[in-house]
């Protein structure tokens, strides 16, 4: 396996894992708690 192919596959896996973590965080976050935290940090 060439080094370029390995790097591309590694970047793809990293991107997929990042998307899965972000989606999981958005799905499992309590919206009212998140809104209160955003309002408190904006003041």
N, C-alpha and C. Protein backbone atom coordinates (compact mmCIF):
# COMPACT_ATOMS: atom_id res chain seq x y z
N UNK A 1 0.86 -1.19 0.00
CA UNK A 1 0.00 0.00 0.00
C UNK A 1 0.90 1.24 0.00
N UNK A 2 0.60 2.15 -0.89
CA UNK A 2 1.39 3.36 -0.99
C UNK A 2 1.11 4.27 0.20
N UNK A 3 2.06 5.13 0.49
CA UNK A 3 1.93 6.05 1.62
C UNK A 3 0.77 7.02 1.40
N UNK A 4 0.58 7.47 0.16
CA UNK A 4 -0.50 8.42 -0.13
C UNK A 4 -1.87 7.80 0.13
N UNK A 5 -2.03 6.56 -0.27
CA UNK A 5 -3.30 5.86 -0.05
C UNK A 5 -3.56 5.70 1.43
N UNK A 6 -2.52 5.35 2.19
CA UNK A 6 -2.66 5.20 3.63
C UNK A 6 -3.06 6.52 4.28
N UNK A 7 -2.43 7.62 3.85
CA UNK A 7 -2.77 8.94 4.41
C UNK A 7 -4.20 9.32 4.08
N UNK A 8 -4.64 9.08 2.85
CA UNK A 8 -6.01 9.42 2.48
C UNK A 8 -7.02 8.60 3.28
N UNK A 9 -6.75 7.32 3.45
CA UNK A 9 -7.66 6.48 4.24
C UNK A 9 -7.69 6.92 5.70
N UNK A 10 -6.53 7.31 6.23
CA UNK A 10 -6.46 7.78 7.60
C UNK A 10 -7.25 9.07 7.78
N UNK A 11 -7.11 10.01 6.86
CA UNK A 11 -7.86 11.26 6.92
C UNK A 11 -9.35 11.00 6.81
N UNK A 12 -9.75 10.07 5.95
CA UNK A 12 -11.16 9.73 5.80
C UNK A 12 -11.73 9.16 7.09
N UNK A 13 -11.00 8.26 7.71
CA UNK A 13 -11.45 7.67 8.98
C UNK A 13 -11.54 8.74 10.05
N UNK A 14 -10.57 9.64 10.10
CA UNK A 14 -10.60 10.72 11.09
C UNK A 14 -11.81 11.63 10.86
N UNK A 15 -12.12 11.93 9.61
CA UNK A 15 -13.26 12.78 9.30
C UNK A 15 -14.58 12.10 9.67
N UNK A 16 -14.70 10.81 9.39
CA UNK A 16 -15.91 10.08 9.75
C UNK A 16 -16.09 10.02 11.26
N UNK A 17 -15.01 9.76 11.99
CA UNK A 17 -15.10 9.72 13.45
C UNK A 17 -15.49 11.09 14.02
N UNK A 18 -14.95 12.17 13.44
CA UNK A 18 -15.30 13.51 13.89
C UNK A 18 -16.78 13.78 13.65
N UNK A 19 -17.27 13.41 12.48
CA UNK A 19 -18.70 13.61 12.18
C UNK A 19 -19.58 12.79 13.12
N UNK A 20 -19.17 11.55 13.41
CA UNK A 20 -19.97 10.72 14.31
C UNK A 20 -19.98 11.29 15.73
N UNK A 21 -18.85 11.77 16.20
CA UNK A 21 -18.80 12.37 17.54
C UNK A 21 -19.65 13.63 17.61
N UNK A 22 -19.58 14.46 16.57
CA UNK A 22 -20.37 15.69 16.55
C UNK A 22 -21.86 15.38 16.51
N UNK A 23 -22.26 14.43 15.67
CA UNK A 23 -23.67 14.05 15.59
C UNK A 23 -24.14 13.45 16.91
N UNK A 24 -23.32 12.62 17.52
CA UNK A 24 -23.67 12.03 18.80
C UNK A 24 -23.83 13.08 19.88
N UNK A 25 -22.97 14.09 19.88
CA UNK A 25 -23.08 15.16 20.87
C UNK A 25 -24.35 15.97 20.64
N UNK A 26 -24.69 16.22 19.39
CA UNK A 26 -25.91 17.00 19.10
C UNK A 26 -27.16 16.22 19.48
N UNK A 27 -27.15 14.91 19.28
CA UNK A 27 -28.34 14.09 19.56
C UNK A 27 -28.54 13.93 21.06
N UNK A 28 -27.46 13.78 21.80
CA UNK A 28 -27.59 13.47 23.22
C UNK A 28 -27.61 14.70 24.13
N UNK A 29 -27.39 15.89 23.58
CA UNK A 29 -27.38 17.10 24.41
C UNK A 29 -28.79 17.50 24.78
N UNK A 30 -28.97 17.89 26.03
CA UNK A 30 -30.26 18.39 26.50
C UNK A 30 -30.42 19.84 26.00
N UNK A 31 -31.41 20.14 25.17
CA UNK A 31 -31.53 21.47 24.56
C UNK A 31 -31.72 22.59 25.59
N UNK A 32 -32.48 22.36 26.65
CA UNK A 32 -32.73 23.43 27.61
C UNK A 32 -31.46 23.75 28.39
N UNK A 33 -30.68 22.73 28.72
CA UNK A 33 -29.43 22.96 29.43
C UNK A 33 -28.45 23.72 28.53
N UNK A 34 -28.37 23.32 27.26
CA UNK A 34 -27.46 23.96 26.32
C UNK A 34 -27.85 25.42 26.11
N UNK A 35 -29.13 25.70 26.00
CA UNK A 35 -29.58 27.08 25.81
C UNK A 35 -29.25 27.92 27.03
N UNK A 36 -29.45 27.38 28.22
CA UNK A 36 -29.14 28.13 29.44
C UNK A 36 -27.64 28.40 29.54
N UNK A 37 -26.84 27.45 29.13
CA UNK A 37 -25.39 27.63 29.18
C UNK A 37 -24.97 28.71 28.19
N UNK A 38 -25.55 28.70 26.99
CA UNK A 38 -25.21 29.72 26.01
C UNK A 38 -25.61 31.11 26.46
N UNK A 39 -26.79 31.22 27.07
CA UNK A 39 -27.26 32.53 27.55
C UNK A 39 -26.36 33.01 28.68
N UNK A 40 -25.99 32.11 29.59
CA UNK A 40 -25.14 32.50 30.70
C UNK A 40 -23.75 32.92 30.23
N UNK A 41 -23.22 32.26 29.22
CA UNK A 41 -21.89 32.61 28.75
C UNK A 41 -21.91 33.89 27.91
N UNK A 42 -23.07 34.27 27.38
CA UNK A 42 -23.15 35.48 26.57
C UNK A 42 -23.19 36.73 27.43
N UNK A 43 -23.53 36.58 28.72
CA UNK A 43 -23.62 37.77 29.59
C UNK A 43 -22.29 38.13 30.19
